[in-house]
């Protein structure tokens, strides 16, 4: 992770304190942000996610559950609460067989658990195409306001970006998921080249998840779908 951040020109410095912890790295010069790194072992993925080819939807839901748990845990730890500034949570795992599952979990992670419906006529015959609805149950960063009239509020606001760092033997595949309204926005050009999924906020009639790359404000590039930055390890 240190090498990746260095190659990205982010000037990482070790930030964790030996006595009381803290974020793993602080990056940037004039505009600083922190990165907390956590790992999901291949054993945990295999046990919780299983064989994605047998049930891709169940595998994606299980992966989303693991990620939500890490966001909750890391968002309340000292590492997150003690740092006053933008924060990134980097989740490291092996790439083997999980990339498609992680891509598949993105919509559910941002939009919650979807249910599929189809309209029927008076004789209970299907009419039109099936469609999906969500109540944002178990979404990573949005939930219905308590006592509100169907309004949504931001949930788990501490991390501005969740970065997925999927290791290969010769490098890593990297993508991110943006928080729609974090406590602190990342600097405009931080990790600008990493493809990331973004929930269109505020949500109105439809849930829209876009994949983008480039600076966070201004002329970012809209991508046709889920993709990664392919990073090759280079010698120091």
Protein backbone atom coordinates (compact mmCIF):
# COMPACT_ATOMS: atom_id res chain seq x y z
CA UNK A 1 0.00 0.00 0.00
CA UNK A 2 2.86 2.37 0.83
CA UNK A 3 4.40 1.78 -2.61
CA UNK A 4 1.08 2.36 -4.36
CA UNK A 5 0.57 5.65 -2.52
CA UNK A 6 4.14 6.73 -3.26
CA UNK A 7 3.81 5.94 -6.96
CA UNK A 8 0.57 7.95 -6.99
CA UNK A 9 2.53 11.00 -5.81
CA UNK A 10 0.69 11.22 -2.48
CA UNK A 11 3.81 11.36 -0.27
CA UNK A 12 2.61 8.94 2.43
CA UNK A 13 4.02 9.16 5.94
CA UNK A 14 3.53 6.60 8.68
CA UNK A 15 0.97 8.07 11.05
CA UNK A 16 0.13 5.34 13.55
CA UNK A 17 1.43 6.10 17.05
CA UNK A 18 3.07 3.26 18.95
CA UNK A 19 1.17 3.99 22.17
CA UNK A 20 -2.36 4.92 21.08
CA UNK A 21 -2.67 3.92 17.42
CA UNK A 22 -4.07 6.18 14.75
CA UNK A 23 -4.45 6.03 10.97
CA UNK A 24 -1.77 4.01 9.19
CA UNK A 25 -0.73 6.76 6.76
CA UNK A 26 -1.12 10.47 6.29
CA UNK A 27 -0.86 11.63 2.68
CA UNK A 28 -0.54 14.91 0.86
CA UNK A 29 1.44 18.08 1.35
CA UNK A 30 -0.73 21.19 1.58
CA UNK A 31 -4.04 19.28 1.75
CA UNK A 32 -3.67 16.20 3.92
CA UNK A 33 -5.81 13.13 4.42
CA UNK A 34 -5.41 9.86 6.27
CA UNK A 35 -5.61 6.24 5.14
CA UNK A 36 -6.52 3.36 7.44
CA UNK A 37 -5.66 -0.08 6.02
CA UNK A 38 -7.51 -3.27 6.88
CA UNK A 39 -7.33 -6.74 5.34
CA UNK A 40 -9.93 -9.39 4.60
CA UNK A 41 -8.28 -12.80 4.52
CA UNK A 42 -8.87 -15.33 1.77
CA UNK A 43 -10.17 -17.72 4.45
CA UNK A 44 -12.86 -15.26 5.57
CA UNK A 45 -13.92 -14.57 1.99
CA UNK A 46 -14.08 -18.27 1.19
CA UNK A 47 -16.09 -19.06 4.32
CA UNK A 48 -18.53 -16.14 4.11
CA UNK A 49 -18.87 -15.66 0.35
CA UNK A 50 -18.50 -19.25 -0.86
CA UNK A 51 -18.58 -20.21 -4.53
CA UNK A 52 -19.92 -17.17 -6.37
CA UNK A 53 -20.63 -19.23 -9.48
CA UNK A 54 -23.32 -21.19 -7.62
CA UNK A 55 -25.24 -18.16 -6.34
CA UNK A 56 -23.78 -14.79 -7.48
CA UNK A 57 -26.45 -12.71 -5.68
CA UNK A 58 -25.88 -14.45 -2.35
CA UNK A 59 -22.11 -14.08 -2.76
CA UNK A 60 -22.42 -10.35 -3.47
CA UNK A 61 -24.72 -9.88 -0.46
CA UNK A 62 -22.27 -11.72 1.79
CA UNK A 63 -19.37 -9.59 0.51
CA UNK A 64 -21.38 -6.41 1.13
CA UNK A 65 -22.04 -7.58 4.70
CA UNK A 66 -18.31 -8.01 5.35
CA UNK A 67 -17.53 -4.54 3.98
CA UNK A 68 -20.34 -2.88 5.98
CA UNK A 69 -18.99 -4.47 9.13
CA UNK A 70 -15.51 -3.08 8.47
CA UNK A 71 -16.91 0.38 7.75
CA UNK A 72 -18.82 0.37 11.02
CA UNK A 73 -15.92 -0.95 13.05
CA UNK A 74 -13.27 1.30 11.54
CA UNK A 75 -15.59 4.32 11.59
CA UNK A 76 -15.92 4.20 15.37
CA UNK A 77 -12.36 3.23 16.28
CA UNK A 78 -9.84 5.71 17.65
CA UNK A 79 -8.09 5.73 14.27
CA UNK A 80 -11.11 7.39 12.64
CA UNK A 81 -12.41 9.55 15.47
CA UNK A 82 -9.06 11.09 16.40
CA UNK A 83 -8.16 12.39 12.94
CA UNK A 84 -9.62 15.75 11.99
CA UNK A 85 -9.61 15.69 8.23
CA UNK A 86 -10.53 13.55 5.21
CA UNK A 87 -10.22 9.80 5.72
CA UNK A 88 -9.92 6.80 3.39
CA UNK A 89 -10.51 3.19 4.39
CA UNK A 90 -8.42 0.81 2.26
CA UNK A 91 -9.58 -2.81 2.22
CA UNK A 92 -6.94 -5.26 1.02
CA UNK A 93 -7.74 -8.78 -0.16
CA UNK A 94 -6.57 -11.34 -2.68
CA UNK A 95 -7.92 -10.85 -6.20
CA UNK A 96 -8.40 -14.55 -6.90
CA UNK A 97 -12.04 -15.12 -7.81
CA UNK A 98 -13.45 -12.12 -5.91
CA UNK A 99 -13.30 -9.25 -8.38
CA UNK A 100 -16.65 -9.96 -10.04
CA UNK A 101 -18.25 -10.53 -6.64
CA UNK A 102 -16.97 -7.19 -5.33
CA UNK A 103 -18.22 -5.43 -8.46
CA UNK A 104 -21.60 -7.14 -8.02
CA UNK A 105 -21.89 -5.96 -4.40
CA UNK A 106 -21.43 -2.27 -5.25
CA UNK A 107 -25.05 -1.49 -6.11
CA UNK A 108 -26.27 -3.16 -2.93
CA UNK A 109 -23.58 -1.53 -0.81
CA UNK A 110 -24.66 1.91 -2.00
CA UNK A 111 -28.39 1.32 -2.52
CA UNK A 112 -29.20 -1.29 0.13
CA UNK A 113 -30.80 -4.68 -0.29
CA UNK A 114 -32.91 -4.68 -3.44
CA UNK A 115 -36.06 -6.71 -3.95
CA UNK A 116 -37.33 -7.65 -7.39
CA UNK A 117 -40.94 -6.99 -8.34
CA UNK A 118 -43.13 -7.41 -11.40
CA UNK A 119 -46.53 -5.89 -12.07
CA UNK A 120 -49.41 -8.31 -12.67
CA UNK A 121 -52.85 -7.99 -14.16
CA UNK A 122 -56.14 -9.08 -12.57
CA UNK A 123 -55.39 -12.68 -13.47
CA UNK A 124 -51.93 -12.48 -11.83
CA UNK A 125 -50.18 -12.61 -15.18
CA UNK A 126 -46.91 -10.66 -15.38
CA UNK A 127 -47.16 -7.29 -17.11
CA UNK A 128 -44.04 -5.58 -18.33
CA UNK A 129 -40.44 -6.14 -17.25
CA UNK A 130 -39.35 -6.98 -13.68
CA UNK A 131 -37.95 -4.06 -11.69
CA UNK A 132 -36.05 -3.63 -8.44
CA UNK A 133 -36.95 -1.54 -5.40
CA UNK A 134 -34.94 -0.71 -2.30
CA UNK A 135 -35.66 0.69 1.15
CA UNK A 136 -31.92 1.28 1.68
CA UNK A 137 -31.83 -1.49 4.26
CA UNK A 138 -28.19 -2.28 5.09
CA UNK A 139 -26.82 0.36 2.70
CA UNK A 140 -23.31 1.49 3.55
CA UNK A 141 -23.81 5.25 3.57
CA UNK A 142 -27.54 6.06 3.46
CA UNK A 143 -30.57 5.21 5.58
CA UNK A 144 -34.08 6.46 6.23
CA UNK A 145 -34.23 9.15 8.90
CA UNK A 146 -35.75 7.98 12.17
CA UNK A 147 -39.27 9.37 12.37
CA UNK A 148 -38.87 11.05 8.97
CA UNK A 149 -41.26 10.98 6.05
CA UNK A 150 -39.24 8.65 3.84
CA UNK A 151 -36.27 11.05 3.78
CA UNK A 152 -32.74 9.71 3.59
CA UNK A 153 -29.75 10.75 5.63
CA UNK A 154 -26.06 9.97 5.33
CA UNK A 155 -24.86 7.07 7.44
CA UNK A 156 -21.28 6.22 8.46
CA UNK A 157 -19.92 9.63 7.37
CA UNK A 158 -16.33 9.32 8.62
CA UNK A 159 -14.69 7.80 5.53
CA UNK A 160 -14.87 9.82 2.32
CA UNK A 161 -13.73 6.87 0.20
CA UNK A 162 -13.55 3.10 0.62
CA UNK A 163 -10.67 1.80 -1.48
CA UNK A 164 -10.57 -1.84 -2.58
CA UNK A 165 -7.03 -3.09 -3.16
CA UNK A 166 -7.23 -6.57 -4.69
CA UNK A 167 -3.81 -8.19 -4.74
CA UNK A 168 -2.42 -10.18 -7.66
CA UNK A 169 0.99 -11.86 -7.80
CA UNK A 170 2.36 -9.00 -9.92
CA UNK A 171 0.30 -6.06 -8.64
CA UNK A 172 -3.22 -5.12 -7.68
CA UNK A 173 -6.59 -4.12 -9.11
CA UNK A 174 -7.96 -1.01 -7.42
CA UNK A 175 -11.35 0.67 -7.30
CA UNK A 176 -13.27 2.77 -4.81
CA UNK A 177 -16.72 3.59 -3.45
CA UNK A 178 -17.45 7.22 -2.60
CA UNK A 179 -19.34 8.40 0.44
CA UNK A 180 -22.02 10.80 -0.92
CA UNK A 181 -21.63 13.28 1.95
CA UNK A 182 -18.62 12.60 4.23
CA UNK A 183 -17.59 14.57 7.29
CA UNK A 184 -14.59 15.85 5.31
CA UNK A 185 -14.20 15.82 1.51
CA UNK A 186 -11.01 14.42 0.03
CA UNK A 187 -8.72 16.85 -1.80
CA UNK A 188 -9.92 17.25 -5.39
CA UNK A 189 -7.05 15.34 -7.02
CA UNK A 190 -6.46 12.68 -4.35
CA UNK A 191 -6.52 9.22 -5.96
CA UNK A 192 -8.06 10.89 -9.02
CA UNK A 193 -7.10 8.04 -11.37
CA UNK A 194 -8.84 5.32 -9.35
CA UNK A 195 -12.24 4.30 -10.83
CA UNK A 196 -14.96 4.69 -8.19
CA UNK A 197 -18.65 4.08 -7.80
CA UNK A 198 -20.74 7.03 -6.68
CA UNK A 199 -24.35 7.23 -5.52
CA UNK A 200 -26.15 10.21 -7.08
CA UNK A 201 -27.05 12.36 -4.07
CA UNK A 202 -29.58 13.39 -2.97
CA UNK A 203 -31.65 10.42 -4.10
CA UNK A 204 -34.95 11.47 -5.64
CA UNK A 205 -37.14 9.08 -7.63
CA UNK A 206 -34.51 6.61 -8.77
CA UNK A 207 -31.31 5.17 -7.32
CA UNK A 208 -28.43 5.95 -9.68
CA UNK A 209 -24.91 4.59 -9.25
CA UNK A 210 -22.31 6.01 -11.63
CA UNK A 211 -18.73 4.91 -12.21
CA UNK A 212 -16.36 7.83 -12.60
CA UNK A 213 -12.67 8.68 -12.65
CA UNK A 214 -10.78 11.95 -12.52
CA UNK A 215 -11.02 14.90 -10.12
CA UNK A 216 -14.01 14.94 -7.78
CA UNK A 217 -15.23 18.30 -8.98
CA UNK A 218 -15.25 19.60 -12.51
CA UNK A 219 -14.48 17.51 -15.55
CA UNK A 220 -14.43 13.96 -14.23
CA UNK A 221 -14.77 11.10 -16.69
CA UNK A 222 -17.93 9.00 -16.59
CA UNK A 223 -17.10 5.34 -17.13
CA UNK A 224 -19.36 2.85 -18.94
CA UNK A 225 -19.42 0.47 -15.97
CA UNK A 226 -17.46 -1.24 -13.23
CA UNK A 227 -13.73 -1.27 -13.83
CA UNK A 228 -10.42 -1.19 -11.96
CA UNK A 229 -7.11 0.60 -12.08
CA UNK A 230 -4.53 -2.08 -12.85
CA UNK A 231 -1.45 -1.37 -10.76
CA UNK A 232 1.79 -3.27 -11.41
CA UNK A 233 4.34 -3.65 -8.64
CA UNK A 234 7.64 -1.96 -9.43
CA UNK A 235 10.93 -2.30 -7.58
CA UNK A 236 11.79 0.37 -5.02
